[in-house]
Each structure stands twice: as structure tokens, then as C-alpha cells.
Amino acid sequence: MKDMLVRLIGLPDCLELESSLLKKEKIVFRRAIAPEKHLVADWVMEKFGAYWKSEVEVAFSRQPVSVWLAQRGNNILGFACYESTVRNFFGPTGTLESERGKGIGKILLIKSLESLREMGYAYAIIGGVGPAEFYEKTVGAKIIEGSEESIYKNLIRKP
């Protein structure tokens, strides 16, 4: 999987979509806070696995916490991290399969990229991209040629 580069100046506005999801679906988007680390990490472990759980735990060590959440009531619907594995990297991110197609991932992506921009970055890296077309369409991200040999190259894997 390759990495992608995204320009953080001129990101699309997601306020209208966010307001619509709040009104129609009762979905709230917000930055996670420290007391819920164990709950979010356990949810990510259950839905997406141990590697992403590890990255979420690192994102919770940042101040402010570098995890954005989508929730309905007391239920997590999706999450997005940034500056977790490497500085200026977006990811991991995931949305419950049952909630996909509503724009949750788009909002989590944009909010995370806005957070990176607020930190002073002009560009960000989306690491080890799966759905490249989504990132290209949503935020104009471009594949970084030669990036298939990434930071994950020598990742220790469970046998």
C-alpha cells in the first residue's frame, strides 16, 4: 500500500454534512478525551484489531488527544487518529460497516486534517492507504510514488 499527500490549505467544509448527520442520525463528532481511552481502545481492538488499538493508545497520549470520534448516544460509530505512528501522518481510521456511506469517514478525515493544519502543517501524509479513490475525491490527496516501501516495512507481525 502506498502513502498519499494532501494539501491542508483549502480543505472542504464539512459543517453542513455534520449538522445534517446530527439532526437526522443524532451523530456527534468530537475529539476524544483521556477518561475514555480504555473504552475507545477496546472498541478499536474488537472492530479493527490489535495494531490499530496500539496506534489509538499512542494518539491518546498526545495533548490534546489526537483522536476524533463519531458517536450516537453512548455508541462509537467511527474514529480517526493523527500523529499516532509518525508525526504529520493521518490514520488509522475506521467506521462501523453498518454506518458506512453516510459521510462519517469524510467528516472524521476532514476534522483530523484540520487539526494537523492547526498544528502548523501545510501538507499531511495519509499512510498506507487502502481506499485511495476516497481520499483523492474527498480531499484531493495524491499518491506518493515510491512510497510502497513505507514506515510499516519491517513491522513485527504476529505469526
C-alpha atoms as a PDB file:
ATOM      1  CA  MET A   1       0.000   0.000   0.000  1.00  0.00           C
ATOM      2  CA  LYS A   2       1.209   3.475  -0.842  1.00  0.00           C
ATOM      3  CA  ASP A   3       1.090   6.732   1.082  1.00  0.00           C
ATOM      4  CA  MET A   4      -0.750   9.831  -0.122  1.00  0.00           C
ATOM      5  CA  LEU A   5      -0.010  13.547   0.236  1.00  0.00           C
ATOM      6  CA  VAL A   6      -2.778  16.033   0.954  1.00  0.00           C
ATOM      7  CA  ARG A   7      -2.642  19.816   0.919  1.00  0.00           C
ATOM      8  CA  LEU A   8      -4.153  21.198   4.115  1.00  0.00           C
ATOM      9  CA  ILE A   9      -4.904  24.656   2.760  1.00  0.00           C
ATOM     10  CA  GLY A  10      -8.418  24.822   1.300  1.00  0.00           C
ATOM     11  CA  LEU A  11      -9.844  21.646   2.817  1.00  0.00           C
ATOM     12  CA  PRO A  12     -13.533  21.126   2.047  1.00  0.00           C
ATOM     13  CA  ASP A  13     -16.071  22.396   4.550  1.00  0.00           C
ATOM     14  CA  CYS A  14     -17.971  19.625   6.335  1.00  0.00           C
ATOM     15  CA  LEU A  15     -20.187  21.719   8.640  1.00  0.00           C
ATOM     16  CA  GLU A  16     -23.350  21.244   6.583  1.00  0.00           C
ATOM     17  CA  LEU A  17     -22.885  17.455   6.432  1.00  0.00           C
ATOM     18  CA  GLU A  18     -22.043  17.379  10.144  1.00  0.00           C
ATOM     19  CA  SER A  19     -25.196  19.373  11.006  1.00  0.00           C
ATOM     20  CA  SER A  20     -27.299  17.102   8.819  1.00  0.00           C
ATOM     21  CA  LEU A  21     -25.947  13.938  10.483  1.00  0.00           C
ATOM     22  CA  LEU A  22     -26.588  15.421  13.919  1.00  0.00           C
ATOM     23  CA  LYS A  23     -30.176  16.310  13.011  1.00  0.00           C
ATOM     24  CA  LYS A  24     -31.128  13.154  11.062  1.00  0.00           C
ATOM     25  CA  GLU A  25     -28.953  10.492  12.680  1.00  0.00           C
ATOM     26  CA  LYS A  26     -28.106  12.001  16.100  1.00  0.00           C
ATOM     27  CA  ILE A  27     -24.388  11.567  15.306  1.00  0.00           C
ATOM     28  CA  VAL A  28     -21.985  13.747  17.281  1.00  0.00           C
ATOM     29  CA  PHE A  29     -18.399  14.380  16.147  1.00  0.00           C
ATOM     30  CA  ARG A  30     -15.848  15.351  18.767  1.00  0.00           C
ATOM     31  CA  ARG A  31     -12.308  14.960  19.965  1.00  0.00           C
ATOM     32  CA  ALA A  32     -11.872  12.052  22.387  1.00  0.00           C
ATOM     33  CA  ILE A  33     -10.797  12.747  25.968  1.00  0.00           C
ATOM     34  CA  ALA A  34      -8.451  10.816  28.263  1.00  0.00           C
ATOM     35  CA  PRO A  35     -11.031   9.116  30.553  1.00  0.00           C
ATOM     36  CA  GLU A  36     -12.453   7.153  27.621  1.00  0.00           C
ATOM     37  CA  LYS A  37      -9.115   5.784  26.383  1.00  0.00           C
ATOM     38  CA  HIS A  38      -9.835   2.257  27.607  1.00  0.00           C
ATOM     39  CA  LEU A  39     -13.294   2.205  26.018  1.00  0.00           C
ATOM     40  CA  VAL A  40     -12.150   3.532  22.650  1.00  0.00           C
ATOM     41  CA  ALA A  41      -9.078   1.268  22.587  1.00  0.00           C
ATOM     42  CA  ASP A  42     -11.208  -1.793  23.426  1.00  0.00           C
ATOM     43  CA  TRP A  43     -13.728  -0.852  20.712  1.00  0.00           C
ATOM     44  CA  VAL A  44     -10.975  -0.424  18.126  1.00  0.00           C
ATOM     45  CA  MET A  45      -9.442  -3.761  19.172  1.00  0.00           C
ATOM     46  CA  GLU A  46     -12.783  -5.516  18.753  1.00  0.00           C
ATOM     47  CA  LYS A  47     -13.681  -3.901  15.417  1.00  0.00           C
ATOM     48  CA  PHE A  48     -10.287  -3.351  13.745  1.00  0.00           C
ATOM     49  CA  GLY A  49      -7.572  -5.293  15.574  1.00  0.00           C
ATOM     50  CA  ALA A  50      -4.511  -5.006  17.785  1.00  0.00           C
ATOM     51  CA  TYR A  51      -2.303  -2.887  15.517  1.00  0.00           C
ATOM     52  CA  TRP A  52      -4.861  -0.103  15.299  1.00  0.00           C
ATOM     53  CA  LYS A  53      -5.526  -0.397  19.025  1.00  0.00           C
ATOM     54  CA  SER A  54      -1.824   0.286  19.633  1.00  0.00           C
ATOM     55  CA  GLU A  55      -1.958   3.366  17.416  1.00  0.00           C
ATOM     56  CA  VAL A  56      -5.085   4.638  19.184  1.00  0.00           C
ATOM     57  CA  GLU A  57      -3.364   4.266  22.557  1.00  0.00           C
ATOM     58  CA  VAL A  58      -0.452   6.403  21.324  1.00  0.00           C
ATOM     59  CA  ALA A  59      -2.885   9.019  19.972  1.00  0.00           C
ATOM     60  CA  PHE A  60      -4.438   9.208  23.446  1.00  0.00           C
ATOM     61  CA  SER A  61      -1.013  10.083  24.874  1.00  0.00           C
ATOM     62  CA  ARG A  62      -0.967  13.328  22.871  1.00  0.00           C
ATOM     63  CA  GLN A  63      -2.204  16.591  24.316  1.00  0.00           C
ATOM     64  CA  PRO A  64      -4.696  17.412  23.016  1.00  0.00           C
ATOM     65  CA  VAL A  65      -5.740  13.823  22.286  1.00  0.00           C
ATOM     66  CA  SER A  66      -5.287  13.167  18.558  1.00  0.00           C
ATOM     67  CA  VAL A  67      -8.383  11.002  18.145  1.00  0.00           C
ATOM     68  CA  TRP A  68     -11.677  12.159  16.651  1.00  0.00           C
ATOM     69  CA  LEU A  69     -14.846  10.170  17.332  1.00  0.00           C
ATOM     70  CA  ALA A  70     -18.275   9.791  15.787  1.00  0.00           C
ATOM     71  CA  GLN A  71     -20.878   8.626  18.287  1.00  0.00           C
ATOM     72  CA  ARG A  72     -24.594   8.164  18.650  1.00  0.00           C
ATOM     73  CA  GLY A  73     -25.582   8.249  22.276  1.00  0.00           C
ATOM     74  CA  ASN A  74     -23.115   6.011  24.097  1.00  0.00           C
ATOM     75  CA  ASN A  75     -22.136   4.089  20.951  1.00  0.00           C
ATOM     76  CA  ILE A  76     -18.949   4.678  18.953  1.00  0.00           C
ATOM     77  CA  LEU A  77     -19.601   4.659  15.214  1.00  0.00           C
ATOM     78  CA  GLY A  78     -16.173   5.638  13.928  1.00  0.00           C
ATOM     79  CA  PHE A  79     -12.787   7.052  14.826  1.00  0.00           C
ATOM     80  CA  ALA A  80      -9.804   8.743  13.231  1.00  0.00           C
ATOM     81  CA  CYS A  81      -6.282   9.313  14.549  1.00  0.00           C
ATOM     82  CA  TYR A  82      -3.445  11.559  13.506  1.00  0.00           C
ATOM     83  CA  GLU A  83       0.159  11.897  14.690  1.00  0.00           C
ATOM     84  CA  SER A  84      -0.050   8.390  16.079  1.00  0.00           C
ATOM     85  CA  THR A  85       2.653   6.289  14.417  1.00  0.00           C
ATOM     86  CA  VAL A  86       4.605   9.117  12.800  1.00  0.00           C
ATOM     87  CA  ARG A  87       4.431  12.903  13.003  1.00  0.00           C
ATOM     88  CA  ASN A  88       2.172  14.522  10.395  1.00  0.00           C
ATOM     89  CA  PHE A  89       0.507  11.209   9.451  1.00  0.00           C
ATOM     90  CA  PHE A  90      -3.257  10.690   9.307  1.00  0.00           C
ATOM     91  CA  GLY A  91      -4.591   7.311  10.369  1.00  0.00           C
ATOM     92  CA  PRO A  92      -5.711   4.828  11.315  1.00  0.00           C
ATOM     93  CA  THR A  93      -9.387   5.475  10.788  1.00  0.00           C
ATOM     94  CA  GLY A  94     -12.460   3.292  10.656  1.00  0.00           C
ATOM     95  CA  THR A  95     -16.249   3.363  10.642  1.00  0.00           C
ATOM     96  CA  LEU A  96     -18.634   0.586  11.603  1.00  0.00           C
ATOM     97  CA  GLU A  97     -19.659  -1.306   8.499  1.00  0.00           C
ATOM     98  CA  SER A  98     -23.334  -0.703   9.300  1.00  0.00           C
ATOM     99  CA  GLU A  99     -22.756   3.079   9.333  1.00  0.00           C
ATOM    100  CA  ARG A 100     -20.695   3.432   6.151  1.00  0.00           C
ATOM    101  CA  GLY A 101     -21.890   5.553   3.259  1.00  0.00           C
ATOM    102  CA  LYS A 102     -23.303   8.344   5.435  1.00  0.00           C
ATOM    103  CA  GLY A 103     -20.276  10.645   5.386  1.00  0.00           C
ATOM    104  CA  ILE A 104     -18.912   9.728   8.818  1.00  0.00           C
ATOM    105  CA  GLY A 105     -15.467   8.852   7.466  1.00  0.00           C
ATOM    106  CA  LYS A 106     -15.376  12.059   5.444  1.00  0.00           C
ATOM    107  CA  ILE A 107     -16.052  14.227   8.492  1.00  0.00           C
ATOM    108  CA  LEU A 108     -13.540  12.352  10.667  1.00  0.00           C
ATOM    109  CA  LEU A 109     -10.915  12.739   7.928  1.00  0.00           C
ATOM    110  CA  ILE A 110     -11.515  16.466   7.472  1.00  0.00           C
ATOM    111  CA  LYS A 111     -11.574  17.168  11.211  1.00  0.00           C
ATOM    112  CA  SER A 112      -8.294  15.294  11.662  1.00  0.00           C
ATOM    113  CA  LEU A 113      -6.667  17.125   8.743  1.00  0.00           C
ATOM    114  CA  GLU A 114      -7.912  20.454  10.119  1.00  0.00           C
ATOM    115  CA  SER A 115      -6.257  19.531  13.422  1.00  0.00           C
ATOM    116  CA  LEU A 116      -2.977  18.888  11.614  1.00  0.00           C
ATOM    117  CA  ARG A 117      -3.313  22.262   9.851  1.00  0.00           C
ATOM    118  CA  GLU A 118      -3.897  23.944  13.234  1.00  0.00           C
ATOM    119  CA  MET A 119      -0.603  22.404  14.375  1.00  0.00           C
ATOM    120  CA  GLY A 120       1.137  24.330  11.615  1.00  0.00           C
ATOM    121  CA  TYR A 121       1.425  21.762   8.826  1.00  0.00           C
ATOM    122  CA  ALA A 122       0.724  22.800   5.238  1.00  0.00           C
ATOM    123  CA  TYR A 123       0.630  19.208   3.930  1.00  0.00           C
ATOM    124  CA  ALA A 124      -0.042  15.846   5.573  1.00  0.00           C
ATOM    125  CA  ILE A 125       0.632  12.205   4.779  1.00  0.00           C
ATOM    126  CA  ILE A 126      -2.115   9.607   4.695  1.00  0.00           C
ATOM    127  CA  GLY A 127      -0.185   6.453   5.490  1.00  0.00           C
ATOM    128  CA  GLY A 128      -0.623   3.007   3.978  1.00  0.00           C
ATOM    129  CA  VAL A 129      -3.769   3.923   2.079  1.00  0.00           C
ATOM    130  CA  GLY A 130      -6.414   1.344   1.263  1.00  0.00           C
ATOM    131  CA  PRO A 131      -9.217   3.386  -0.392  1.00  0.00           C
ATOM    132  CA  ALA A 132      -7.079   5.812  -2.447  1.00  0.00           C
ATOM    133  CA  GLU A 133     -10.068   6.953  -4.543  1.00  0.00           C
ATOM    134  CA  PHE A 134     -11.919   8.067  -1.396  1.00  0.00           C
ATOM    135  CA  TYR A 135      -9.014  10.264  -0.280  1.00  0.00           C
ATOM    136  CA  GLU A 136      -8.464  11.642  -3.770  1.00  0.00           C
ATOM    137  CA  LYS A 137     -12.147  12.532  -4.175  1.00  0.00           C
ATOM    138  CA  THR A 138     -12.684  13.834  -0.627  1.00  0.00           C
ATOM    139  CA  VAL A 139      -9.569  15.964  -0.030  1.00  0.00           C
ATOM    140  CA  GLY A 140      -7.613  15.899  -3.303  1.00  0.00           C
ATOM    141  CA  ALA A 141      -4.903  13.580  -1.939  1.00  0.00           C
ATOM    142  CA  LYS A 142      -2.258  12.322  -4.376  1.00  0.00           C
ATOM    143  CA  ILE A 143      -0.311   9.065  -4.344  1.00  0.00           C
ATOM    144  CA  ILE A 144       3.336   9.487  -3.346  1.00  0.00           C
ATOM    145  CA  GLU A 145       5.285   7.494  -5.914  1.00  0.00           C
ATOM    146  CA  GLY A 146       7.820   5.121  -4.397  1.00  0.00           C
ATOM    147  CA  SER A 147       6.020   5.071  -1.053  1.00  0.00           C
ATOM    148  CA  GLU A 148       5.070   1.399  -1.205  1.00  0.00           C
ATOM    149  CA  GLU A 149       8.186   0.851   0.915  1.00  0.00           C
ATOM    150  CA  SER A 150       6.744   2.612   3.910  1.00  0.00           C
ATOM    151  CA  ILE A 151       7.273   3.044   7.630  1.00  0.00           C
ATOM    152  CA  TYR A 152       5.443  -0.270   8.051  1.00  0.00           C
ATOM    153  CA  LYS A 153       8.035  -2.188   6.005  1.00  0.00           C
ATOM    154  CA  ASN A 154       9.597  -4.063   8.922  1.00  0.00           C
ATOM    155  CA  LEU A 155       6.548  -4.143  11.169  1.00  0.00           C
ATOM    156  CA  ILE A 156       6.674  -7.128  13.519  1.00  0.00           C
ATOM    157  CA  ARG A 157       3.687  -9.287  12.775  1.00  0.00           C
ATOM    158  CA  LYS A 158       2.011 -11.933  14.867  1.00  0.00           C
ATOM    159  CA  PRO A 159       2.824 -15.386  13.372  1.00  0.00           C
END
